[in-house]
Protein backbone atom coordinates (compact mmCIF):
# COMPACT_ATOMS: atom_id res chain seq x y z
CA MET A 1 19.52 20.88 34.15
CA SER A 2 16.16 21.60 32.57
CA GLY A 3 15.56 23.99 29.75
CA HIS A 4 13.39 22.26 27.21
CA SER A 5 9.95 23.64 26.37
CA GLY A 6 8.62 23.50 29.92
CA LEU A 7 8.86 19.71 30.19
CA ASP A 8 10.86 18.75 33.26
CA TYR A 9 12.40 15.28 33.37
CA ASN A 10 14.70 15.89 36.32
CA GLY A 11 15.02 12.70 38.36
CA LYS A 12 13.68 10.56 35.49
CA VAL A 13 15.62 7.70 33.91
CA VAL A 14 15.17 7.24 30.16
CA LEU A 15 16.50 4.40 27.96
CA VAL A 16 16.86 5.06 24.23
CA THR A 17 17.71 1.95 22.22
CA GLY A 18 19.75 2.74 19.13
CA GLY A 19 20.37 6.11 20.74
CA THR A 20 23.90 6.75 19.52
CA LYS A 21 23.11 8.08 16.04
CA GLY A 22 20.36 9.34 13.77
CA ILE A 23 16.86 9.70 15.18
CA GLY A 24 17.86 7.96 18.41
CA ALA A 25 20.64 10.43 19.15
CA GLY A 26 18.24 13.33 18.54
CA ILE A 27 15.75 11.82 20.98
CA ALA A 28 18.51 11.29 23.55
CA ARG A 29 19.56 14.95 23.24
CA SER A 30 15.96 16.12 23.72
CA PHE A 31 15.62 14.20 26.98
CA LEU A 32 19.04 15.37 28.17
CA ALA A 33 17.96 18.97 27.55
CA ALA A 34 14.85 18.32 29.64
CA GLY A 35 16.95 17.15 32.59
CA ALA A 36 16.60 13.37 32.30
CA ARG A 37 19.28 10.85 33.06
CA VAL A 38 19.59 9.20 29.65
CA ILE A 39 20.93 5.73 28.87
CA VAL A 40 21.71 4.71 25.30
CA CYS A 41 22.67 1.23 24.22
CA GLY A 42 24.24 -0.39 21.20
CA ARG A 43 26.54 -3.18 20.11
CA ASN A 44 29.58 -0.90 19.87
CA VAL A 45 30.76 2.11 21.87
CA PRO A 46 30.20 5.21 19.68
CA GLU A 47 32.93 7.72 18.90
CA GLN A 48 30.69 10.49 20.21
CA MET A 49 28.03 10.17 22.88
CA PRO A 50 24.82 12.24 22.70
CA SER A 51 25.28 15.33 24.86
CA VAL A 52 23.74 18.73 25.60
CA GLY A 53 25.97 21.22 27.41
CA ASP A 54 27.56 19.40 30.34
CA ALA A 55 24.98 16.60 30.27
CA GLN A 56 25.93 13.41 28.47
CA ALA A 57 24.14 10.13 27.94
CA ASP A 58 25.40 6.98 29.67
CA PHE A 59 26.21 4.00 27.46
CA ILE A 60 25.61 0.30 28.05
CA VAL A 61 26.76 -2.30 25.53
CA ALA A 62 23.79 -4.41 24.43
CA ASP A 63 22.42 -6.16 21.37
CA VAL A 64 18.63 -5.86 21.50
CA ARG A 65 18.29 -8.94 19.27
CA ASP A 66 20.01 -11.16 21.83
CA GLN A 67 17.95 -12.19 24.86
CA VAL A 68 20.95 -12.78 27.14
CA SER A 69 22.40 -9.38 26.23
CA LEU A 70 18.99 -7.80 26.81
CA GLN A 71 18.65 -9.32 30.25
CA GLY A 72 22.11 -8.01 31.11
CA LEU A 73 21.08 -4.53 30.00
CA PHE A 74 18.09 -4.44 32.34
CA GLU A 75 20.03 -5.98 35.21
CA SER A 76 22.49 -3.09 34.84
CA ILE A 77 19.65 -0.57 34.82
CA ARG A 78 18.13 -2.08 37.98
CA SER A 79 21.41 -2.14 39.87
CA GLU A 80 22.88 1.19 38.71
CA TYR A 81 19.79 3.40 38.33
CA GLY A 82 17.14 1.65 40.42
CA ARG A 83 14.29 2.52 38.08
CA LEU A 84 13.23 3.17 34.49
CA ASP A 85 10.63 5.83 33.73
CA VAL A 86 10.66 5.92 29.94
CA LEU A 87 11.71 3.45 27.26
CA ILE A 88 12.18 4.79 23.74
CA ASN A 89 12.10 1.65 21.60
CA ASN A 90 14.02 3.10 18.66
CA ALA A 91 16.63 0.58 17.47
CA GLY A 92 15.90 -0.69 13.96
CA GLY A 93 16.19 0.08 10.28
CA SER A 94 16.69 -1.62 6.94
CA PRO A 95 18.81 -1.35 3.81
CA SER A 96 16.98 -1.22 0.51
CA ALA A 97 16.32 -4.61 -1.07
CA ASP A 98 13.98 -5.98 -3.73
CA ALA A 99 11.41 -8.20 -2.04
CA ALA A 100 11.43 -10.58 -5.02
CA SER A 101 15.13 -11.38 -4.76
CA ALA A 102 16.06 -10.80 -1.09
CA SER A 103 16.74 -13.99 0.83
CA PRO A 104 14.39 -15.43 3.45
CA ARG A 105 17.22 -14.96 5.95
CA PHE A 106 17.34 -11.23 5.09
CA HIS A 107 13.58 -10.83 5.58
CA GLU A 108 13.67 -12.74 8.87
CA GLY A 109 16.52 -10.58 10.12
CA ILE A 110 14.70 -7.34 9.30
CA ILE A 111 11.50 -8.48 11.01
CA ARG A 112 13.48 -9.74 14.00
CA LEU A 113 15.25 -6.39 14.43
CA ASN A 114 12.21 -4.18 13.86
CA LEU A 115 9.39 -6.17 15.49
CA ILE A 116 10.55 -9.08 17.65
CA ALA A 117 13.45 -7.24 19.32
CA PRO A 118 11.32 -4.19 20.28
CA LEU A 119 8.74 -6.55 21.78
CA ASN A 120 11.43 -8.27 23.85
CA VAL A 121 12.84 -4.91 25.01
CA ALA A 122 9.35 -3.71 25.96
CA GLN A 123 8.72 -6.91 27.90
CA GLN A 124 11.83 -6.33 30.01
CA ALA A 125 10.95 -2.67 30.56
CA ASN A 126 7.41 -3.55 31.61
CA LEU A 127 8.68 -6.01 34.24
CA LEU A 128 10.62 -3.18 35.87
CA MET A 129 8.00 -0.47 35.42
CA GLN A 130 5.20 -2.57 36.93
CA THR A 131 7.12 -2.62 40.23
CA GLN A 132 7.28 1.18 40.39
CA ALA A 133 4.62 3.21 42.16
CA ASP A 134 4.19 5.53 39.19
CA GLY A 135 4.70 2.91 36.48
CA GLY A 136 6.26 4.18 33.27
CA CYS A 137 5.85 4.86 29.57
CA ILE A 138 7.04 2.80 26.61
CA VAL A 139 7.34 4.64 23.29
CA PHE A 140 7.79 2.60 20.14
CA ILE A 141 9.31 4.48 17.20
CA GLY A 142 7.18 3.47 14.24
CA SER A 143 7.37 4.72 10.67
CA ILE A 144 5.25 6.06 7.86
CA SER A 145 6.43 2.88 6.11
CA GLY A 146 4.03 0.91 8.30
CA LEU A 147 1.08 2.92 7.00
CA ARG A 148 1.69 3.10 3.24
CA ALA A 149 3.50 1.16 0.53
CA SER A 150 7.20 0.76 1.25
CA PRO A 151 8.83 -0.44 -1.99
CA GLY A 152 12.45 -1.44 -1.45
CA THR A 153 11.86 -2.01 2.27
CA ALA A 154 8.82 -4.29 2.23
CA ALA A 155 9.80 -6.39 5.25
CA TYR A 156 10.62 -3.24 7.22
CA GLY A 157 7.22 -1.73 6.40
CA ALA A 158 5.49 -4.94 7.44
CA ALA A 159 7.43 -5.00 10.72
CA LYS A 160 6.50 -1.38 11.47
CA ALA A 161 2.84 -2.13 10.74
CA GLY A 162 3.19 -4.95 13.26
CA VAL A 163 4.61 -2.51 15.79
CA LEU A 164 1.46 -0.39 15.57
CA ALA A 165 -0.72 -3.44 16.22
CA LEU A 166 1.57 -4.43 19.08
CA VAL A 167 1.25 -1.00 20.72
CA GLN A 168 -2.53 -1.35 20.93
CA SER A 169 -2.37 -4.83 22.45
CA LEU A 170 0.37 -4.04 24.97
CA ALA A 171 -1.40 -0.85 26.03
CA ALA A 172 -4.46 -2.94 26.89
CA GLU A 173 -2.48 -5.67 28.67
CA TRP A 174 -0.12 -3.48 30.71
CA ALA A 175 -2.48 -0.71 31.78
CA PRO A 176 -2.93 1.13 34.03
CA LYS A 177 0.66 1.14 35.36
CA VAL A 178 2.40 1.33 31.99
CA ARG A 179 1.37 3.44 29.01
CA VAL A 180 2.38 2.16 25.57
CA VAL A 181 2.37 4.51 22.57
CA ALA A 182 3.96 4.95 19.16
CA VAL A 183 5.55 7.92 17.42
CA SER A 184 5.73 7.36 13.65
CA PRO A 185 8.03 9.70 11.71
CA GLY A 186 7.78 10.39 8.02
CA LEU A 187 10.94 11.35 6.14
CA VAL A 188 13.76 12.39 8.49
CA ARG A 189 17.02 14.11 7.58
CA THR A 190 19.79 12.37 9.52
CA GLU A 191 23.51 12.05 8.89
CA LEU A 192 22.65 9.18 6.52
CA ALA A 193 20.12 11.12 4.44
CA HIS A 194 22.42 11.10 1.40
CA VAL A 195 22.30 7.29 1.32
CA HIS A 196 18.53 7.37 0.80
CA TYR A 197 17.99 10.64 -1.07
CA GLY A 198 21.29 11.50 -2.79
CA ASP A 199 22.96 14.92 -2.77
CA GLU A 200 21.54 18.24 -1.58
CA ALA A 201 19.55 18.61 -4.79
CA GLY A 202 17.91 15.24 -4.20
CA ILE A 203 17.12 16.11 -0.59
CA ALA A 204 15.63 19.44 -1.70
CA ALA A 205 13.48 17.72 -4.33
CA VAL A 206 12.14 15.23 -1.80
CA SER A 207 11.52 18.02 0.73
CA ALA A 208 9.51 19.97 -1.85
CA GLY A 209 6.96 17.14 -1.88
CA ILE A 210 6.27 17.50 1.85
CA PRO A 211 3.62 20.09 2.80
CA ALA A 212 5.83 21.39 5.62
CA GLY A 213 8.50 22.16 3.00
CA ARG A 214 11.22 20.13 4.71
CA MET A 215 12.04 16.75 6.13
CA ALA A 216 11.92 16.28 9.88
CA VAL A 217 15.15 16.50 11.86
CA PRO A 218 15.86 14.11 14.74
CA GLU A 219 14.99 16.75 17.34
CA ASP A 220 11.46 16.97 15.88
CA ILE A 221 11.01 13.34 16.83
CA GLY A 222 12.64 13.99 20.20
CA ASN A 223 10.21 16.80 20.97
CA ALA A 224 7.25 14.54 20.17
CA CYS A 225 8.65 11.86 22.48
CA LEU A 226 9.10 14.42 25.28
CA TYR A 227 5.42 15.27 25.07
CA ILE A 228 3.95 11.80 24.63
CA ALA A 229 5.99 10.36 27.53
CA SER A 230 5.12 13.23 29.87
CA ALA A 231 2.30 13.75 32.36
CA LEU A 232 0.73 16.12 29.83
CA ALA A 233 -0.15 13.04 27.78
CA ALA A 234 -1.16 10.88 30.75
CA TYR A 235 -4.37 9.70 29.03
CA ALA A 236 -2.63 8.76 25.79
CA SER A 237 -2.08 5.01 25.45
CA GLY A 238 -2.46 2.54 22.61
CA CYS A 239 -2.20 5.41 20.12
CA ASN A 240 0.11 6.48 17.31
CA LEU A 241 1.42 10.04 16.91
CA LEU A 242 2.03 10.46 13.18
CA LEU A 243 4.80 12.98 12.56
CA HIS A 244 5.18 13.53 8.83
CA GLY A 245 4.90 17.26 8.18
CA GLY A 246 1.53 16.90 6.48
CA GLY A 247 2.35 13.75 4.54
CA GLU A 248 3.71 13.42 1.02
CA ARG A 249 2.24 15.18 -1.99
CA PRO A 250 0.55 12.53 -4.18
CA ALA A 251 2.56 11.86 -7.35
CA TYR A 252 -0.53 12.11 -9.56
CA LEU A 253 -0.90 15.80 -8.71
CA GLY A 254 2.43 16.51 -10.35
CA ALA A 255 1.74 14.23 -13.31
CA ALA A 256 -1.82 15.29 -14.06
CA GLN A 257 -2.52 18.06 -16.54
CA VAL A 258 -5.55 19.82 -15.11
CA ALA A 259 -6.87 23.09 -16.50
CA PRO A 260 -7.20 25.83 -13.84
CA HIS A 261 -10.72 26.63 -12.67
């Protein structure tokens, strides 16, 4: 099966961490549509697996924060699939919390999930990819929060900034066999958008501040991953693909009273 924008992933094995919902599920569907054999992992078996037509992702139970669980995940990939061509390092996230009152344990947990765990996953993927004749590609899912102020999710923003630094260092260390890149989304409309932005009116108001006129959808991120992990982007490594629809309209433009020229 291959019918996605000319990018053919037939015969390729792709792992999407956190690939059972939200952005991860959209990425998994994009690779399924391009013909890849897609593995998703998570702590619990989802009610619905990412699928496109007759193609469905495979699921392996794993907690990316636990080293023993992580080693088991990659042992399963080695024994059942024999290779790994693309890792989409997507698992992560954070609830909103005031940095002044959140506990040290909370901050440590957020940084562990969004920075340390992706590093550990990438390390395992690199060990496998380095043994393959054609290497592989590791894509970290970053965030606009790592590039601008992130009030309410300060530790998350700091972790994502760390991810971008990590991508540059790993790209230098693991070349030329393994490419390491980042894709950093801006605001994305997932099934949990109402938690962050409220009802449809709130989502519309937020969307109006984006030059593209809408938030991204998970498949937008999936399409970017398809390109950056493909041979078309073979020279791209250590870089960050910023995917934010033109950014966010500065608040001062709406607040300022400027006479027309």
